[in-house]
Amino acid sequence: MNATEMKEFLPEATTKTYTLVETCALAEQQLESRIINKKQVLQHCMYLIENCLYLLWSHLDYYMLRAIPRTKFGLSYAKSVSE
């Protein structure tokens, strides 16, 4: 990266002029902190998605297996199994 590209990654509050090495170090720190923040955001999103899918699955499990009456040809499933 050249100096102008590195300045894009520096914080806005930096008014001091830095050497090229210092600019590289600051840009690297900023990029690393952005990566860490993005990883945390993705982990939180993944946690939310997993919990939403579990909630959906548990509701489907309940309503499909327990709440919907099982009928077979007009008879309840329990009666037809015992016959």
N, C-alpha and C. Protein backbone atom coordinates (compact mmCIF):
# COMPACT_ATOMS: atom_id res chain seq x y z
N MET A 1 0.83 -1.18 0.00
CA MET A 1 0.00 0.00 0.00
C MET A 1 0.87 1.25 0.00
N ASN A 2 0.39 2.24 -0.68
CA ASN A 2 1.12 3.51 -0.63
C ASN A 2 0.55 4.38 0.48
N ALA A 3 1.13 5.55 0.66
CA ALA A 3 0.77 6.41 1.80
C ALA A 3 -0.68 6.90 1.72
N THR A 4 -1.17 7.19 0.53
CA THR A 4 -2.55 7.68 0.43
C THR A 4 -3.56 6.59 0.76
N GLU A 5 -3.27 5.35 0.36
CA GLU A 5 -4.16 4.24 0.70
C GLU A 5 -4.15 3.97 2.19
N MET A 6 -2.99 4.13 2.82
CA MET A 6 -2.90 3.90 4.26
C MET A 6 -3.65 4.96 5.04
N LYS A 7 -3.69 6.17 4.54
CA LYS A 7 -4.38 7.25 5.24
C LYS A 7 -5.88 7.00 5.31
N GLU A 8 -6.41 6.20 4.39
CA GLU A 8 -7.82 5.86 4.42
C GLU A 8 -8.16 5.04 5.67
N PHE A 9 -7.21 4.28 6.16
CA PHE A 9 -7.46 3.41 7.30
C PHE A 9 -7.10 4.05 8.64
N LEU A 10 -6.50 5.22 8.61
CA LEU A 10 -6.13 5.90 9.85
C LEU A 10 -7.37 6.54 10.46
N PRO A 11 -7.39 6.67 11.78
CA PRO A 11 -8.53 7.36 12.42
C PRO A 11 -8.61 8.81 11.98
N GLU A 12 -9.80 9.36 12.02
CA GLU A 12 -10.01 10.74 11.58
C GLU A 12 -9.32 11.75 12.49
N ALA A 13 -9.12 11.41 13.75
CA ALA A 13 -8.58 12.35 14.73
C ALA A 13 -7.06 12.53 14.61
N THR A 14 -6.41 11.80 13.75
CA THR A 14 -4.96 11.91 13.63
C THR A 14 -4.61 13.13 12.79
N THR A 15 -4.04 14.12 13.43
CA THR A 15 -3.63 15.33 12.72
C THR A 15 -2.11 15.42 12.63
N LYS A 16 -1.45 14.62 13.42
CA LYS A 16 0.01 14.62 13.44
C LYS A 16 0.52 13.92 12.18
N THR A 17 1.63 14.42 11.67
CA THR A 17 2.24 13.75 10.52
C THR A 17 3.16 12.65 11.03
N TYR A 18 3.04 11.51 10.43
CA TYR A 18 3.81 10.34 10.85
C TYR A 18 4.77 9.93 9.75
N THR A 19 5.77 9.18 10.14
CA THR A 19 6.67 8.59 9.15
C THR A 19 5.92 7.45 8.47
N LEU A 20 6.51 6.94 7.42
CA LEU A 20 5.87 5.86 6.68
C LEU A 20 5.72 4.62 7.55
N VAL A 21 6.72 4.33 8.36
CA VAL A 21 6.67 3.15 9.23
C VAL A 21 5.57 3.31 10.28
N GLU A 22 5.47 4.51 10.86
CA GLU A 22 4.43 4.76 11.86
C GLU A 22 3.04 4.70 11.22
N THR A 23 2.94 5.21 10.02
CA THR A 23 1.66 5.16 9.30
C THR A 23 1.26 3.72 9.02
N CYS A 24 2.24 2.91 8.62
CA CYS A 24 1.96 1.49 8.37
C CYS A 24 1.48 0.80 9.65
N ALA A 25 2.15 1.09 10.76
CA ALA A 25 1.78 0.47 12.03
C ALA A 25 0.38 0.89 12.47
N LEU A 26 0.07 2.18 12.33
CA LEU A 26 -1.27 2.66 12.70
C LEU A 26 -2.35 2.06 11.79
N ALA A 27 -2.06 1.99 10.51
CA ALA A 27 -3.02 1.41 9.57
C ALA A 27 -3.24 -0.06 9.89
N GLU A 28 -2.16 -0.76 10.22
CA GLU A 28 -2.28 -2.18 10.57
C GLU A 28 -3.12 -2.36 11.83
N GLN A 29 -2.90 -1.51 12.83
CA GLN A 29 -3.69 -1.59 14.06
C GLN A 29 -5.17 -1.32 13.78
N GLN A 30 -5.43 -0.34 12.95
CA GLN A 30 -6.83 -0.02 12.61
C GLN A 30 -7.50 -1.19 11.88
N LEU A 31 -6.76 -1.77 10.93
CA LEU A 31 -7.33 -2.90 10.19
C LEU A 31 -7.57 -4.09 11.10
N GLU A 32 -6.64 -4.35 12.01
CA GLU A 32 -6.81 -5.46 12.94
C GLU A 32 -8.01 -5.23 13.85
N SER A 33 -8.18 -4.01 14.33
CA SER A 33 -9.33 -3.73 15.19
C SER A 33 -10.64 -3.84 14.42
N ARG A 34 -10.64 -3.44 13.16
CA ARG A 34 -11.85 -3.59 12.33
C ARG A 34 -12.17 -5.07 12.11
N ILE A 35 -11.13 -5.86 11.89
CA ILE A 35 -11.33 -7.30 11.69
C ILE A 35 -11.90 -7.94 12.95
N ILE A 36 -11.34 -7.57 14.10
CA ILE A 36 -11.83 -8.12 15.37
C ILE A 36 -13.28 -7.73 15.60
N ASN A 37 -13.60 -6.47 15.34
CA ASN A 37 -14.99 -6.02 15.50
C ASN A 37 -15.93 -6.75 14.55
N LYS A 38 -15.50 -6.94 13.32
CA LYS A 38 -16.34 -7.63 12.35
C LYS A 38 -16.55 -9.09 12.75
N LYS A 39 -15.50 -9.73 13.30
CA LYS A 39 -15.65 -11.11 13.78
C LYS A 39 -16.67 -11.19 14.90
N GLN A 40 -16.63 -10.22 15.81
CA GLN A 40 -17.59 -10.21 16.91
C GLN A 40 -19.01 -10.02 16.40
N VAL A 41 -19.18 -9.13 15.45
CA VAL A 41 -20.51 -8.91 14.88
C VAL A 41 -21.01 -10.18 14.21
N LEU A 42 -20.14 -10.85 13.46
CA LEU A 42 -20.54 -12.09 12.80
C LEU A 42 -20.86 -13.19 13.80
N GLN A 43 -20.10 -13.26 14.89
CA GLN A 43 -20.39 -14.25 15.93
C GLN A 43 -21.74 -13.98 16.58
N HIS A 44 -22.04 -12.71 16.83
CA HIS A 44 -23.34 -12.38 17.40
C HIS A 44 -24.47 -12.72 16.43
N CYS A 45 -24.27 -12.43 15.16
CA CYS A 45 -25.28 -12.76 14.16
C CYS A 45 -25.49 -14.27 14.07
N MET A 46 -24.40 -15.02 14.11
CA MET A 46 -24.49 -16.47 14.06
C MET A 46 -25.23 -17.01 15.28
N TYR A 47 -24.96 -16.44 16.45
CA TYR A 47 -25.65 -16.84 17.67
C TYR A 47 -27.15 -16.59 17.55
N LEU A 48 -27.51 -15.41 17.04
CA LEU A 48 -28.93 -15.09 16.87
C LEU A 48 -29.60 -16.02 15.86
N ILE A 49 -28.93 -16.29 14.76
CA ILE A 49 -29.50 -17.17 13.73
C ILE A 49 -29.69 -18.57 14.28
N GLU A 50 -28.69 -19.10 15.00
CA GLU A 50 -28.81 -20.44 15.56
C GLU A 50 -29.97 -20.52 16.54
N ASN A 51 -30.12 -19.51 17.39
CA ASN A 51 -31.22 -19.53 18.36
C ASN A 51 -32.57 -19.37 17.68
N CYS A 52 -32.64 -18.55 16.65
CA CYS A 52 -33.90 -18.42 15.91
C CYS A 52 -34.26 -19.73 15.22
N LEU A 53 -33.28 -20.40 14.64
CA LEU A 53 -33.56 -21.68 14.00
C LEU A 53 -33.99 -22.73 15.02
N TYR A 54 -33.36 -22.73 16.19
CA TYR A 54 -33.77 -23.67 17.23
C TYR A 54 -35.20 -23.39 17.68
N LEU A 55 -35.52 -22.13 17.86
CA LEU A 55 -36.88 -21.75 18.27
C LEU A 55 -37.90 -22.18 17.21
N LEU A 56 -37.58 -21.94 15.96
CA LEU A 56 -38.46 -22.36 14.87
C LEU A 56 -38.61 -23.88 14.85
N TRP A 57 -37.50 -24.59 14.99
CA TRP A 57 -37.55 -26.05 14.99
C TRP A 57 -38.38 -26.57 16.16
N SER A 58 -38.19 -26.00 17.35
CA SER A 58 -38.94 -26.49 18.51
C SER A 58 -40.44 -26.23 18.35
N HIS A 59 -40.81 -25.09 17.77
CA HIS A 59 -42.22 -24.83 17.52
C HIS A 59 -42.78 -25.80 16.48
N LEU A 60 -42.03 -26.02 15.42
CA LEU A 60 -42.49 -26.98 14.41
C LEU A 60 -42.61 -28.38 14.99
N ASP A 61 -41.66 -28.75 15.81
CA ASP A 61 -41.68 -30.06 16.45
C ASP A 61 -42.94 -30.20 17.30
N TYR A 62 -43.22 -29.19 18.08
CA TYR A 62 -44.39 -29.25 18.95
C TYR A 62 -45.68 -29.31 18.13
N TYR A 63 -45.83 -28.42 17.17
CA TYR A 63 -47.09 -28.36 16.44
C TYR A 63 -47.27 -29.52 15.47
N MET A 64 -46.20 -30.02 14.90
CA MET A 64 -46.34 -31.12 13.95
C MET A 64 -46.50 -32.47 14.65
N LEU A 65 -45.86 -32.64 15.79
CA LEU A 65 -45.90 -33.94 16.45
C LEU A 65 -46.92 -34.02 17.58
N ARG A 66 -47.21 -32.91 18.21
CA ARG A 66 -48.05 -32.97 19.40
C ARG A 66 -49.39 -32.25 19.27
N ALA A 67 -49.45 -31.19 18.55
CA ALA A 67 -50.67 -30.38 18.52
C ALA A 67 -51.63 -30.78 17.41
N ILE A 68 -51.11 -31.29 16.30
CA ILE A 68 -51.97 -31.67 15.18
C ILE A 68 -52.52 -33.07 15.46
N PRO A 69 -53.84 -33.24 15.43
CA PRO A 69 -54.39 -34.58 15.69
C PRO A 69 -54.03 -35.53 14.56
N ARG A 70 -53.70 -36.73 14.94
CA ARG A 70 -53.33 -37.75 13.95
C ARG A 70 -54.58 -38.57 13.61
N THR A 71 -55.07 -38.40 12.43
CA THR A 71 -56.25 -39.16 12.02
C THR A 71 -55.91 -39.98 10.80
N LYS A 72 -56.53 -41.14 10.73
CA LYS A 72 -56.32 -42.00 9.57
C LYS A 72 -57.68 -42.55 9.17
N PHE A 73 -58.16 -42.14 8.03
CA PHE A 73 -59.45 -42.55 7.51
C PHE A 73 -60.57 -42.25 8.49
N GLY A 74 -60.52 -41.08 9.11
CA GLY A 74 -61.59 -40.69 10.02
C GLY A 74 -61.43 -41.23 11.42
N LEU A 75 -60.52 -42.14 11.65
CA LEU A 75 -60.29 -42.69 12.98
C LEU A 75 -59.04 -42.06 13.57
N SER A 76 -59.00 -42.02 14.87
CA SER A 76 -57.78 -41.49 15.48
C SER A 76 -56.66 -42.50 15.30
N TYR A 77 -55.46 -42.04 15.30
CA TYR A 77 -54.30 -42.90 15.08
C TYR A 77 -54.15 -43.91 16.21
N ALA A 78 -54.45 -43.52 17.42
CA ALA A 78 -54.31 -44.42 18.56
C ALA A 78 -55.27 -45.60 18.44
N LYS A 79 -56.49 -45.37 17.95
CA LYS A 79 -57.46 -46.46 17.80
C LYS A 79 -57.04 -47.41 16.69
N SER A 80 -56.52 -46.89 15.59
CA SER A 80 -56.16 -47.75 14.48
C SER A 80 -54.92 -48.59 14.79
N VAL A 81 -54.05 -48.10 15.64
CA VAL A 81 -52.86 -48.86 16.01
C VAL A 81 -53.24 -50.02 16.92
N SER A 82 -54.19 -49.80 17.82
CA SER A 82 -54.56 -50.85 18.77
C SER A 82 -55.38 -51.95 18.11
N GLU A 83 -55.99 -51.71 16.98
CA GLU A 83 -56.83 -52.72 16.32
C GLU A 83 -56.05 -53.70 15.53
